[in-house]
Amino acid sequence: MSASLWDIAVLLAKWLSYLAMLAIPGAVFVAWLCRQLSGDRPDVDRRVLSHLLLPATVLGILATSAFFLFQVGAINQRGAGGMFDPVIAQILAQSSLGDGLRWRLAGFFLALLAAGQWYIAKSVSTATARSGILSASVTVALAAGAVLCISLSFAVLGHVSQLTLVSRLMLVLHITAICLWTGSFVPLYLLSRPEVSGRPEADRQSLQRLMVLFGQSAWVVLCALFLSGLWLTWQLIDSPGALVTTAYGQLLTLKLLLVAGLLGLSARHKFMLVPQLMLTGALRLRRSIAGQIGLTILILLVTAVFTTLTGPAS
């Protein structure tokens, strides 16, 4: 498995777009959970928005655009100027690669609209924000559309596009579940900042209730993630032995081991750190969430590697 400079550029652009994809549903999901809690701080979803959602959408648009240009340059093989070859760009735009990128960009632009609508709604009176295009239901609809478009982009790209319709639908479910679960880690990390430990008991209780609610909701997401992941592994791997005898299988095995580590940390949160939050404060929980974020970044990097440099046939 060798990689050229173009391969590395494509890989990095794909990895950055993956990071942006996770941030969008994660921010919306955690903000929605916050709104379910009585006594929620009024600025919590604005903080999540300003720290995560808007930068993520901009990163996603730039990384996805760069990914397409790097693909053009890799085919052209004429240096950096080859990325802007209109003939090759038009050919790729009419291929499955173009279809996938259109879905992905549509998702990021819908997320950008949701972020803008959300920000404006928080800047006007409550009565105005609850009606018309500034209502919370519009934000949720735009965010849901963004997640769906991004998930659909995976179903028409790469080797997965050759699978059956059922398998591609399972992939859409898999990507959606991943985004909702792992995308929530960064906003939860932001909300469990160190000063929570020194704040009034009511604030620590609010954080604890948020983590409990997230844990309850995450079980549904994890079930969807596990079932869809099992189906896709069965479809993409010829035999269990391929998990250790092929480059694709080895990288997939590494990804599965990292996911197992994520599940272990999640179980530790649910059964140890969250119940002890009122006694120990938020610092241990925050450090553990940081570990989850680190594992997620590695998982996305491994995913970018084996979807860029290898395939099931290898």
C-alpha atoms as a PDB file:
ATOM      1  CA  MET A   1       0.000   0.000   0.000  1.00  0.00           C
ATOM      2  CA  SER A   2       1.875   3.035  -1.316  1.00  0.00           C
ATOM      3  CA  ALA A   3       0.657   6.603  -1.384  1.00  0.00           C
ATOM      4  CA  SER A   4       1.543   9.538  -3.616  1.00  0.00           C
ATOM      5  CA  LEU A   5       1.382  13.167  -2.569  1.00  0.00           C
ATOM      6  CA  TRP A   6      -1.999  13.429  -4.270  1.00  0.00           C
ATOM      7  CA  ASP A   7      -3.250  10.418  -2.307  1.00  0.00           C
ATOM      8  CA  ILE A   8      -2.137  12.052   0.929  1.00  0.00           C
ATOM      9  CA  ALA A   9      -3.811  15.333  -0.035  1.00  0.00           C
ATOM     10  CA  VAL A  10      -7.066  13.495  -0.867  1.00  0.00           C
ATOM     11  CA  LEU A  11      -6.829  11.564   2.402  1.00  0.00           C
ATOM     12  CA  LEU A  12      -6.370  14.711   4.512  1.00  0.00           C
ATOM     13  CA  ALA A  13      -9.222  16.534   2.763  1.00  0.00           C
ATOM     14  CA  LYS A  14     -11.482  13.526   3.333  1.00  0.00           C
ATOM     15  CA  TRP A  15     -10.441  13.329   7.005  1.00  0.00           C
ATOM     16  CA  LEU A  16     -11.212  17.016   7.573  1.00  0.00           C
ATOM     17  CA  SER A  17     -14.588  16.643   5.891  1.00  0.00           C
ATOM     18  CA  TYR A  18     -15.304  13.680   8.199  1.00  0.00           C
ATOM     19  CA  LEU A  19     -14.563  15.841  11.240  1.00  0.00           C
ATOM     20  CA  ALA A  20     -16.949  18.514   9.972  1.00  0.00           C
ATOM     21  CA  MET A  21     -19.653  15.916   9.298  1.00  0.00           C
ATOM     22  CA  LEU A  22     -19.586  14.711  12.893  1.00  0.00           C
ATOM     23  CA  ALA A  23     -19.737  18.189  14.391  1.00  0.00           C
ATOM     24  CA  ILE A  24     -23.005  19.227  12.742  1.00  0.00           C
ATOM     25  CA  PRO A  25     -25.432  16.567  14.026  1.00  0.00           C
ATOM     26  CA  GLY A  26     -23.535  16.340  17.307  1.00  0.00           C
ATOM     27  CA  ALA A  27     -24.011  20.037  18.062  1.00  0.00           C
ATOM     28  CA  VAL A  28     -27.694  19.965  17.153  1.00  0.00           C
ATOM     29  CA  PHE A  29     -28.312  16.742  19.088  1.00  0.00           C
ATOM     30  CA  VAL A  30     -26.696  17.996  22.305  1.00  0.00           C
ATOM     31  CA  ALA A  31     -28.434  21.372  22.053  1.00  0.00           C
ATOM     32  CA  TRP A  32     -31.743  19.543  21.613  1.00  0.00           C
ATOM     33  CA  LEU A  33     -31.009  17.437  24.708  1.00  0.00           C
ATOM     34  CA  CYS A  34     -30.240  20.616  26.648  1.00  0.00           C
ATOM     35  CA  ARG A  35     -33.609  22.056  25.698  1.00  0.00           C
ATOM     36  CA  GLN A  36     -35.327  18.970  27.148  1.00  0.00           C
ATOM     37  CA  LEU A  37     -33.985  19.795  30.607  1.00  0.00           C
ATOM     38  CA  SER A  38     -35.841  22.251  32.799  1.00  0.00           C
ATOM     39  CA  GLY A  39     -33.697  25.048  34.156  1.00  0.00           C
ATOM     40  CA  ASP A  40     -31.358  24.877  31.181  1.00  0.00           C
ATOM     41  CA  ARG A  41     -28.966  27.807  30.864  1.00  0.00           C
ATOM     42  CA  PRO A  42     -30.371  30.134  28.170  1.00  0.00           C
ATOM     43  CA  ASP A  43     -27.018  30.552  26.406  1.00  0.00           C
ATOM     44  CA  VAL A  44     -26.112  26.884  26.173  1.00  0.00           C
ATOM     45  CA  ASP A  45     -27.175  26.299  22.565  1.00  0.00           C
ATOM     46  CA  ARG A  46     -25.720  29.631  21.429  1.00  0.00           C
ATOM     47  CA  ARG A  47     -22.370  28.598  22.937  1.00  0.00           C
ATOM     48  CA  VAL A  48     -22.497  25.240  21.147  1.00  0.00           C
ATOM     49  CA  LEU A  49     -23.399  27.074  17.945  1.00  0.00           C
ATOM     50  CA  SER A  50     -20.643  29.662  18.107  1.00  0.00           C
ATOM     51  CA  HIS A  51     -17.924  27.213  19.161  1.00  0.00           C
ATOM     52  CA  LEU A  52     -18.772  24.344  16.875  1.00  0.00           C
ATOM     53  CA  LEU A  53     -21.599  24.456  14.349  1.00  0.00           C
ATOM     54  CA  LEU A  54     -20.676  27.486  12.250  1.00  0.00           C
ATOM     55  CA  PRO A  55     -16.930  26.678  12.011  1.00  0.00           C
ATOM     56  CA  ALA A  56     -17.772  23.047  11.211  1.00  0.00           C
ATOM     57  CA  THR A  57     -19.988  23.944   8.270  1.00  0.00           C
ATOM     58  CA  VAL A  58     -17.352  26.265   6.810  1.00  0.00           C
ATOM     59  CA  LEU A  59     -14.667  23.579   7.290  1.00  0.00           C
ATOM     60  CA  GLY A  60     -16.915  21.015   5.625  1.00  0.00           C
ATOM     61  CA  ILE A  61     -17.534  23.148   2.554  1.00  0.00           C
ATOM     62  CA  LEU A  62     -13.826  23.961   2.150  1.00  0.00           C
ATOM     63  CA  ALA A  63     -12.628  20.381   2.768  1.00  0.00           C
ATOM     64  CA  THR A  64     -15.199  18.885   0.382  1.00  0.00           C
ATOM     65  CA  SER A  65     -14.270  21.376  -2.333  1.00  0.00           C
ATOM     66  CA  ALA A  66     -10.565  20.660  -1.803  1.00  0.00           C
ATOM     67  CA  PHE A  67     -11.257  16.913  -1.990  1.00  0.00           C
ATOM     68  CA  PHE A  68     -12.766  17.335  -5.449  1.00  0.00           C
ATOM     69  CA  LEU A  69      -9.914  19.562  -6.662  1.00  0.00           C
ATOM     70  CA  PHE A  70      -7.307  17.095  -5.370  1.00  0.00           C
ATOM     71  CA  GLN A  71      -9.067  14.295  -7.253  1.00  0.00           C
ATOM     72  CA  VAL A  72      -8.839  16.357 -10.444  1.00  0.00           C
ATOM     73  CA  GLY A  73      -5.159  17.038  -9.796  1.00  0.00           C
ATOM     74  CA  ALA A  74      -4.441  13.362  -9.093  1.00  0.00           C
ATOM     75  CA  ILE A  75      -5.863  12.374 -12.478  1.00  0.00           C
ATOM     76  CA  ASN A  76      -4.236  15.255 -14.357  1.00  0.00           C
ATOM     77  CA  GLN A  77      -0.760  14.747 -12.840  1.00  0.00           C
ATOM     78  CA  ARG A  78       0.386  18.225 -13.976  1.00  0.00           C
ATOM     79  CA  GLY A  79       1.163  19.819 -10.652  1.00  0.00           C
ATOM     80  CA  ALA A  80      -0.985  22.154  -8.605  1.00  0.00           C
ATOM     81  CA  GLY A  81      -2.342  23.877 -11.713  1.00  0.00           C
ATOM     82  CA  GLY A  82      -3.802  20.562 -12.850  1.00  0.00           C
ATOM     83  CA  MET A  83      -6.458  20.793 -10.131  1.00  0.00           C
ATOM     84  CA  PHE A  84      -8.275  23.399 -12.195  1.00  0.00           C
ATOM     85  CA  ASP A  85      -8.472  21.490 -15.477  1.00  0.00           C
ATOM     86  CA  PRO A  86     -12.077  22.167 -16.664  1.00  0.00           C
ATOM     87  CA  VAL A  87     -12.306  19.053 -18.861  1.00  0.00           C
ATOM     88  CA  ILE A  88     -11.363  16.555 -16.146  1.00  0.00           C
ATOM     89  CA  ALA A  89     -13.431  18.482 -13.593  1.00  0.00           C
ATOM     90  CA  GLN A  90     -16.493  18.179 -15.843  1.00  0.00           C
ATOM     91  CA  ILE A  91     -15.922  14.448 -16.321  1.00  0.00           C
ATOM     92  CA  LEU A  92     -15.632  13.850 -12.589  1.00  0.00           C
ATOM     93  CA  ALA A  93     -18.648  16.064 -11.873  1.00  0.00           C
ATOM     94  CA  GLN A  94     -20.750  13.751 -14.054  1.00  0.00           C
ATOM     95  CA  SER A  95     -19.499  10.595 -12.318  1.00  0.00           C
ATOM     96  CA  SER A  96     -20.540   8.993  -9.016  1.00  0.00           C
ATOM     97  CA  LEU A  97     -17.856  11.136  -7.365  1.00  0.00           C
ATOM     98  CA  GLY A  98     -19.701  14.257  -8.511  1.00  0.00           C
ATOM     99  CA  ASP A  99     -23.010  12.861  -7.263  1.00  0.00           C
ATOM    100  CA  GLY A 100     -21.543  12.161  -3.833  1.00  0.00           C
ATOM    101  CA  LEU A 101     -19.959  15.578  -3.520  1.00  0.00           C
ATOM    102  CA  ARG A 102     -23.173  17.313  -4.547  1.00  0.00           C
ATOM    103  CA  TRP A 103     -25.040  15.486  -1.797  1.00  0.00           C
ATOM    104  CA  ARG A 104     -22.289  16.336   0.681  1.00  0.00           C
ATOM    105  CA  LEU A 105     -22.145  20.018  -0.213  1.00  0.00           C
ATOM    106  CA  ALA A 106     -25.934  20.206  -0.080  1.00  0.00           C
ATOM    107  CA  GLY A 107     -25.744  18.836   3.449  1.00  0.00           C
ATOM    108  CA  PHE A 108     -23.180  21.392   4.551  1.00  0.00           C
ATOM    109  CA  PHE A 109     -25.124  24.275   3.023  1.00  0.00           C
ATOM    110  CA  LEU A 110     -28.320  23.109   4.739  1.00  0.00           C
ATOM    111  CA  ALA A 111     -26.361  23.002   8.004  1.00  0.00           C
ATOM    112  CA  LEU A 112     -25.137  26.525   7.313  1.00  0.00           C
ATOM    113  CA  LEU A 113     -28.737  27.658   6.840  1.00  0.00           C
ATOM    114  CA  ALA A 114     -29.719  25.924  10.075  1.00  0.00           C
ATOM    115  CA  ALA A 115     -26.875  27.631  11.932  1.00  0.00           C
ATOM    116  CA  GLY A 116     -27.828  31.048  10.562  1.00  0.00           C
ATOM    117  CA  GLN A 117     -31.519  30.526  11.314  1.00  0.00           C
ATOM    118  CA  TRP A 118     -30.631  29.320  14.813  1.00  0.00           C
ATOM    119  CA  TYR A 119     -28.430  32.335  15.505  1.00  0.00           C
ATOM    120  CA  ILE A 120     -31.067  34.813  14.294  1.00  0.00           C
ATOM    121  CA  ALA A 121     -33.775  33.079  16.328  1.00  0.00           C
ATOM    122  CA  LYS A 122     -31.674  33.467  19.505  1.00  0.00           C
ATOM    123  CA  SER A 123     -31.185  37.170  18.758  1.00  0.00           C
ATOM    124  CA  VAL A 124     -34.869  38.128  18.538  1.00  0.00           C
ATOM    125  CA  SER A 125     -37.721  37.968  20.988  1.00  0.00           C
ATOM    126  CA  THR A 126     -38.983  34.593  22.171  1.00  0.00           C
ATOM    127  CA  ALA A 127     -42.439  35.121  20.680  1.00  0.00           C
ATOM    128  CA  THR A 128     -40.996  35.917  17.263  1.00  0.00           C
ATOM    129  CA  ALA A 129     -38.570  33.000  17.356  1.00  0.00           C
ATOM    130  CA  ARG A 130     -41.380  30.526  18.005  1.00  0.00           C
ATOM    131  CA  SER A 131     -43.252  31.416  14.831  1.00  0.00           C
ATOM    132  CA  GLY A 132     -42.580  31.202  11.107  1.00  0.00           C
ATOM    133  CA  ILE A 133     -39.175  30.427   9.657  1.00  0.00           C
ATOM    134  CA  LEU A 134     -37.434  31.177  12.969  1.00  0.00           C
ATOM    135  CA  SER A 135     -39.196  28.398  14.872  1.00  0.00           C
ATOM    136  CA  ALA A 136     -37.257  25.510  16.402  1.00  0.00           C
ATOM    137  CA  SER A 137     -39.038  23.030  14.111  1.00  0.00           C
ATOM    138  CA  VAL A 138     -37.485  24.731  11.066  1.00  0.00           C
ATOM    139  CA  THR A 139     -34.023  24.448  12.603  1.00  0.00           C
ATOM    140  CA  VAL A 140     -34.558  20.753  13.319  1.00  0.00           C
ATOM    141  CA  ALA A 141     -35.865  20.163   9.769  1.00  0.00           C
ATOM    142  CA  LEU A 142     -32.846  21.893   8.208  1.00  0.00           C
ATOM    143  CA  ALA A 143     -30.419  20.009  10.465  1.00  0.00           C
ATOM    144  CA  ALA A 144     -32.135  16.683   9.743  1.00  0.00           C
ATOM    145  CA  GLY A 145     -31.940  17.413   6.026  1.00  0.00           C
ATOM    146  CA  ALA A 146     -28.234  18.197   6.375  1.00  0.00           C
ATOM    147  CA  VAL A 147     -27.514  14.897   8.155  1.00  0.00           C
ATOM    148  CA  LEU A 148     -29.550  12.951   5.580  1.00  0.00           C
ATOM    149  CA  CYS A 149     -27.737  14.555   2.623  1.00  0.00           C
ATOM    150  CA  ILE A 150     -24.339  13.904   4.173  1.00  0.00           C
ATOM    151  CA  SER A 151     -25.243  10.281   4.929  1.00  0.00           C
ATOM    152  CA  LEU A 152     -26.586   9.746   1.393  1.00  0.00           C
ATOM    153  CA  SER A 153     -23.299  11.028  -0.045  1.00  0.00           C
ATOM    154  CA  PHE A 154     -21.555   7.920   1.303  1.00  0.00           C
ATOM    155  CA  ALA A 155     -24.030   5.609  -0.432  1.00  0.00           C
ATOM    156  CA  VAL A 156     -22.986   6.772  -3.909  1.00  0.00           C
ATOM    157  CA  LEU A 157     -19.215   7.049  -3.367  1.00  0.00           C
ATOM    158  CA  GLY A 158     -16.456   4.448  -3.540  1.00  0.00           C
ATOM    159  CA  HIS A 159     -16.782   0.676  -3.357  1.00  0.00           C
ATOM    160  CA  VAL A 160     -19.966   0.898  -1.264  1.00  0.00           C
ATOM    161  CA  SER A 161     -21.837   2.273  -4.291  1.00  0.00           C
ATOM    162  CA  GLN A 162     -21.536  -1.194  -5.865  1.00  0.00           C
ATOM    163  CA  LEU A 163     -23.523  -2.846  -3.073  1.00  0.00           C
ATOM    164  CA  THR A 164     -27.259  -3.558  -3.039  1.00  0.00           C
ATOM    165  CA  LEU A 165     -29.864  -0.947  -2.178  1.00  0.00           C
ATOM    166  CA  VAL A 166     -30.400  -2.533   1.242  1.00  0.00           C
ATOM    167  CA  SER A 167     -26.690  -2.329   2.037  1.00  0.00           C
ATOM    168  CA  ARG A 168     -26.524   1.309   0.970  1.00  0.00           C
ATOM    169  CA  LEU A 169     -29.521   2.113   3.160  1.00  0.00           C
ATOM    170  CA  MET A 170     -27.747   0.369   6.035  1.00  0.00           C
ATOM    171  CA  LEU A 171     -24.737   2.566   5.323  1.00  0.00           C
ATOM    172  CA  VAL A 172     -26.934   5.686   5.565  1.00  0.00           C
ATOM    173  CA  LEU A 173     -28.198   4.433   8.936  1.00  0.00           C
ATOM    174  CA  HIS A 174     -24.619   3.652  10.012  1.00  0.00           C
ATOM    175  CA  ILE A 175     -23.292   7.110   9.129  1.00  0.00           C
ATOM    176  CA  THR A 176     -26.239   8.835  10.805  1.00  0.00           C
ATOM    177  CA  ALA A 177     -25.714   6.848  14.003  1.00  0.00           C
ATOM    178  CA  ILE A 178     -21.974   7.587  13.999  1.00  0.00           C
ATOM    179  CA  CYS A 179     -22.576  11.309  13.547  1.00  0.00           C
ATOM    180  CA  LEU A 180     -25.130  11.505  16.354  1.00  0.00           C
ATOM    181  CA  TRP A 181     -23.005   9.524  18.822  1.00  0.00           C
ATOM    182  CA  THR A 182     -19.398  10.564  18.262  1.00  0.00           C
ATOM    183  CA  GLY A 183     -20.373  14.044  17.063  1.00  0.00           C
ATOM    184  CA  SER A 184     -21.764  14.736  20.537  1.00  0.00           C
ATOM    185  CA  PHE A 185     -18.408  14.349  22.271  1.00  0.00           C
ATOM    186  CA  VAL A 186     -17.043  17.839  21.516  1.00  0.00           C
ATOM    187  CA  PRO A 187     -20.165  19.782  22.618  1.00  0.00           C
ATOM    188  CA  LEU A 188     -20.359  17.638  25.771  1.00  0.00           C
ATOM    189  CA  TYR A 189     -16.691  18.431  26.390  1.00  0.00           C
ATOM    190  CA  LEU A 190     -17.405  22.157  26.017  1.00  0.00           C
ATOM    191  CA  LEU A 191     -20.350  21.976  28.425  1.00  0.00           C
ATOM    192  CA  SER A 192     -18.386  20.036  31.062  1.00  0.00           C
ATOM    193  CA  ARG A 193     -15.752  22.772  31.366  1.00  0.00           C
ATOM    194  CA  PRO A 194     -13.682  22.816  34.601  1.00  0.00           C
ATOM    195  CA  GLU A 195     -15.537  25.696  36.253  1.00  0.00           C
ATOM    196  CA  VAL A 196     -18.629  23.479  36.513  1.00  0.00           C
ATOM    197  CA  SER A 197     -16.999  21.871  39.564  1.00  0.00           C
ATOM    198  CA  GLY A 198     -16.922  25.171  41.388  1.00  0.00           C
ATOM    199  CA  ARG A 199     -20.360  26.335  40.362  1.00  0.00           C
ATOM    200  CA  PRO A 200     -23.572  25.968  42.378  1.00  0.00           C
ATOM    201  CA  GLU A 201     -24.972  22.517  42.968  1.00  0.00           C
ATOM    202  CA  ALA A 202     -27.913  23.178  40.639  1.00  0.00           C
ATOM    203  CA  ASP A 203     -25.543  23.653  37.690  1.00  0.00           C
ATOM    204  CA  ARG A 204     -23.740  20.408  38.433  1.00  0.00           C
ATOM    205  CA  GLN A 205     -27.082  18.663  38.670  1.00  0.00           C
ATOM    206  CA  SER A 206     -28.024  20.092  35.276  1.00  0.00           C
ATOM    207  CA  LEU A 207     -24.833  18.682  33.751  1.00  0.00           C
ATOM    208  CA  GLN A 208     -25.452  15.326  35.394  1.00  0.00           C
ATOM    209  CA  ARG A 209     -29.011  15.210  34.066  1.00  0.00           C
ATOM    210  CA  LEU A 210     -27.743  16.090  30.602  1.00  0.00           C
ATOM    211  CA  MET A 211     -25.215  13.235  30.692  1.00  0.00           C
ATOM    212  CA  VAL A 212     -27.873  10.803  31.941  1.00  0.00           C
ATOM    213  CA  LEU A 213     -30.241  11.867  29.156  1.00  0.00           C
ATOM    214  CA  PHE A 214     -27.460  11.505  26.591  1.00  0.00           C
ATOM    215  CA  GLY A 215     -26.642   8.027  27.892  1.00  0.00           C
ATOM    216  CA  GLN A 216     -30.271   6.976  27.604  1.00  0.00           C
ATOM    217  CA  SER A 217     -30.582   8.327  24.070  1.00  0.00           C
ATOM    218  CA  ALA A 218     -27.234   6.917  22.983  1.00  0.00           C
ATOM    219  CA  TRP A 219     -28.318   3.304  23.544  1.00  0.00           C
ATOM    220  CA  VAL A 220     -30.802   3.559  20.672  1.00  0.00           C
ATOM    221  CA  VAL A 221     -28.125   5.104  18.465  1.00  0.00           C
ATOM    222  CA  LEU A 222     -25.564   2.446  19.433  1.00  0.00           C
ATOM    223  CA  CYS A 223     -27.970  -0.378  18.601  1.00  0.00           C
ATOM    224  CA  ALA A 224     -28.456   1.099  15.121  1.00  0.00           C
ATOM    225  CA  LEU A 225     -24.689   1.553  14.804  1.00  0.00           C
ATOM    226  CA  PHE A 226     -23.930  -2.033  15.818  1.00  0.00           C
ATOM    227  CA  LEU A 227     -26.535  -3.699  13.597  1.00  0.00           C
ATOM    228  CA  SER A 228     -25.729  -1.635  10.509  1.00  0.00           C
ATOM    229  CA  GLY A 229     -21.976  -2.040  11.066  1.00  0.00           C
ATOM    230  CA  LEU A 230     -22.332  -5.823  11.385  1.00  0.00           C
ATOM    231  CA  TRP A 231     -24.311  -5.961   8.140  1.00  0.00           C
ATOM    232  CA  LEU A 232     -21.796  -3.830   6.227  1.00  0.00           C
ATOM    233  CA  THR A 233     -18.818  -5.846   7.500  1.00  0.00           C
ATOM    234  CA  TRP A 234     -20.520  -9.026   6.318  1.00  0.00           C
ATOM    235  CA  GLN A 235     -21.101  -7.465   2.895  1.00  0.00           C
ATOM    236  CA  LEU A 236     -17.591  -6.044   2.445  1.00  0.00           C
ATOM    237  CA  ILE A 237     -15.472  -8.905   3.827  1.00  0.00           C
ATOM    238  CA  ASP A 238     -15.411 -12.237   1.957  1.00  0.00           C
ATOM    239  CA  SER A 239     -14.440 -14.282   5.010  1.00  0.00           C
ATOM    240  CA  PRO A 240     -13.405 -13.707   8.648  1.00  0.00           C
ATOM    241  CA  GLY A 241      -9.832 -14.510   7.650  1.00  0.00           C
ATOM    242  CA  ALA A 242      -9.761 -11.440   5.418  1.00  0.00           C
ATOM    243  CA  LEU A 243      -9.764  -9.296   8.561  1.00  0.00           C
ATOM    244  CA  VAL A 244      -6.129 -10.303   9.146  1.00  0.00           C
ATOM    245  CA  THR A 245      -4.853 -11.331   5.713  1.00  0.00           C
ATOM    246  CA  THR A 246      -5.714  -8.215   3.660  1.00  0.00           C
ATOM    247  CA  ALA A 247      -4.720  -4.574   4.094  1.00  0.00           C
ATOM    248  CA  TYR A 248      -8.376  -3.527   4.038  1.00  0.00           C
ATOM    249  CA  GLY A 249      -9.294  -6.124   6.651  1.00  0.00           C
ATOM    250  CA  GLN A 250      -6.395  -5.179   8.916  1.00  0.00           C
ATOM    251  CA  LEU A 251      -7.341  -1.501   8.869  1.00  0.00           C
ATOM    252  CA  LEU A 252     -10.989  -2.414   9.440  1.00  0.00           C
ATOM    253  CA  THR A 253      -9.923  -4.554  12.408  1.00  0.00           C
ATOM    254  CA  LEU A 254      -7.947  -1.630  13.814  1.00  0.00           C
ATOM    255  CA  LYS A 255     -11.023   0.568  13.422  1.00  0.00           C
ATOM    256  CA  LEU A 256     -13.184  -1.982  15.236  1.00  0.00           C
ATOM    257  CA  LEU A 257     -10.695  -2.154  18.110  1.00  0.00           C
ATOM    258  CA  LEU A 258     -10.733   1.636  18.444  1.00  0.00           C
ATOM    259  CA  VAL A 259     -14.541   1.602  18.418  1.00  0.00           C
ATOM    260  CA  ALA A 260     -14.445  -1.019  21.177  1.00  0.00           C
ATOM    261  CA  GLY A 261     -12.295   1.405  23.168  1.00  0.00           C
ATOM    262  CA  LEU A 262     -14.916   4.110  22.635  1.00  0.00           C
ATOM    263  CA  LEU A 263     -17.626   1.784  23.881  1.00  0.00           C
ATOM    264  CA  GLY A 264     -15.547   0.992  26.955  1.00  0.00           C
ATOM    265  CA  LEU A 265     -15.161   4.677  27.800  1.00  0.00           C
ATOM    266  CA  SER A 266     -18.884   5.225  27.234  1.00  0.00           C
ATOM    267  CA  ALA A 267     -19.700   2.420  29.669  1.00  0.00           C
ATOM    268  CA  ARG A 268     -17.321   3.982  32.204  1.00  0.00           C
ATOM    269  CA  HIS A 269     -19.150   7.307  31.842  1.00  0.00           C
ATOM    270  CA  LYS A 270     -22.573   5.776  32.287  1.00  0.00           C
ATOM    271  CA  PHE A 271     -21.844   3.511  35.240  1.00  0.00           C
ATOM    272  CA  MET A 272     -19.037   5.332  37.091  1.00  0.00           C
ATOM    273  CA  LEU A 273     -18.255   8.957  36.233  1.00  0.00           C
ATOM    274  CA  VAL A 274     -21.780  10.343  35.741  1.00  0.00           C
ATOM    275  CA  PRO A 275     -23.207   8.864  39.002  1.00  0.00           C
ATOM    276  CA  GLN A 276     -20.177  10.277  40.881  1.00  0.00           C
ATOM    277  CA  LEU A 277     -20.348  13.703  39.236  1.00  0.00           C
ATOM    278  CA  MET A 278     -21.873  15.469  42.243  1.00  0.00           C
ATOM    279  CA  LEU A 279     -19.040  14.215  44.470  1.00  0.00           C
ATOM    280  CA  THR A 280     -16.004  14.346  42.190  1.00  0.00           C
ATOM    281  CA  GLY A 281     -16.892  17.284  39.909  1.00  0.00           C
ATOM    282  CA  ALA A 282     -16.620  17.451  36.132  1.00  0.00           C
ATOM    283  CA  LEU A 283     -12.838  17.250  35.693  1.00  0.00           C
ATOM    284  CA  ARG A 284     -12.591  13.430  35.492  1.00  0.00           C
ATOM    285  CA  LEU A 285     -15.557  13.308  33.155  1.00  0.00           C
ATOM    286  CA  ARG A 286     -14.058  16.018  30.939  1.00  0.00           C
ATOM    287  CA  ARG A 287     -10.741  14.152  30.695  1.00  0.00           C
ATOM    288  CA  SER A 288     -12.542  10.953  29.755  1.00  0.00           C
ATOM    289  CA  ILE A 289     -14.555  12.754  27.064  1.00  0.00           C
ATOM    290  CA  ALA A 290     -11.262  14.164  25.748  1.00  0.00           C
ATOM    291  CA  GLY A 291     -10.058  10.554  25.438  1.00  0.00           C
ATOM    292  CA  GLN A 292     -13.173   9.739  23.417  1.00  0.00           C
ATOM    293  CA  ILE A 293     -12.504  12.692  21.137  1.00  0.00           C
ATOM    294  CA  GLY A 294      -8.940  11.480  20.575  1.00  0.00           C
ATOM    295  CA  LEU A 295     -10.109   7.961  19.717  1.00  0.00           C
ATOM    296  CA  THR A 296     -12.724   9.359  17.353  1.00  0.00           C
ATOM    297  CA  ILE A 297     -10.090  11.394  15.507  1.00  0.00           C
ATOM    298  CA  LEU A 298      -7.990   8.230  15.098  1.00  0.00           C
ATOM    299  CA  ILE A 299     -11.003   6.233  13.893  1.00  0.00           C
ATOM    300  CA  LEU A 300     -11.775   8.857  11.258  1.00  0.00           C
ATOM    301  CA  LEU A 301      -8.133   8.863  10.134  1.00  0.00           C
ATOM    302  CA  VAL A 302      -8.087   5.066   9.822  1.00  0.00           C
ATOM    303  CA  THR A 303     -11.396   5.220   7.923  1.00  0.00           C
ATOM    304  CA  ALA A 304      -9.981   7.825   5.544  1.00  0.00           C
ATOM    305  CA  VAL A 305      -6.903   5.649   4.962  1.00  0.00           C
ATOM    306  CA  PHE A 306      -8.672   2.408   4.114  1.00  0.00           C
ATOM    307  CA  THR A 307     -11.337   4.109   1.971  1.00  0.00           C
ATOM    308  CA  THR A 308      -8.683   6.039   0.048  1.00  0.00           C
ATOM    309  CA  LEU A 309      -5.692   3.705  -0.265  1.00  0.00           C
ATOM    310  CA  THR A 310      -7.291   0.241  -0.092  1.00  0.00           C
ATOM    311  CA  GLY A 311     -10.549  -1.498  -0.911  1.00  0.00           C
ATOM    312  CA  PRO A 312     -12.310  -4.765  -0.067  1.00  0.00           C
ATOM    313  CA  ALA A 313     -10.670  -6.495  -3.030  1.00  0.00           C
ATOM    314  CA  SER A 314      -7.196  -5.849  -1.578  1.00  0.00           C
END
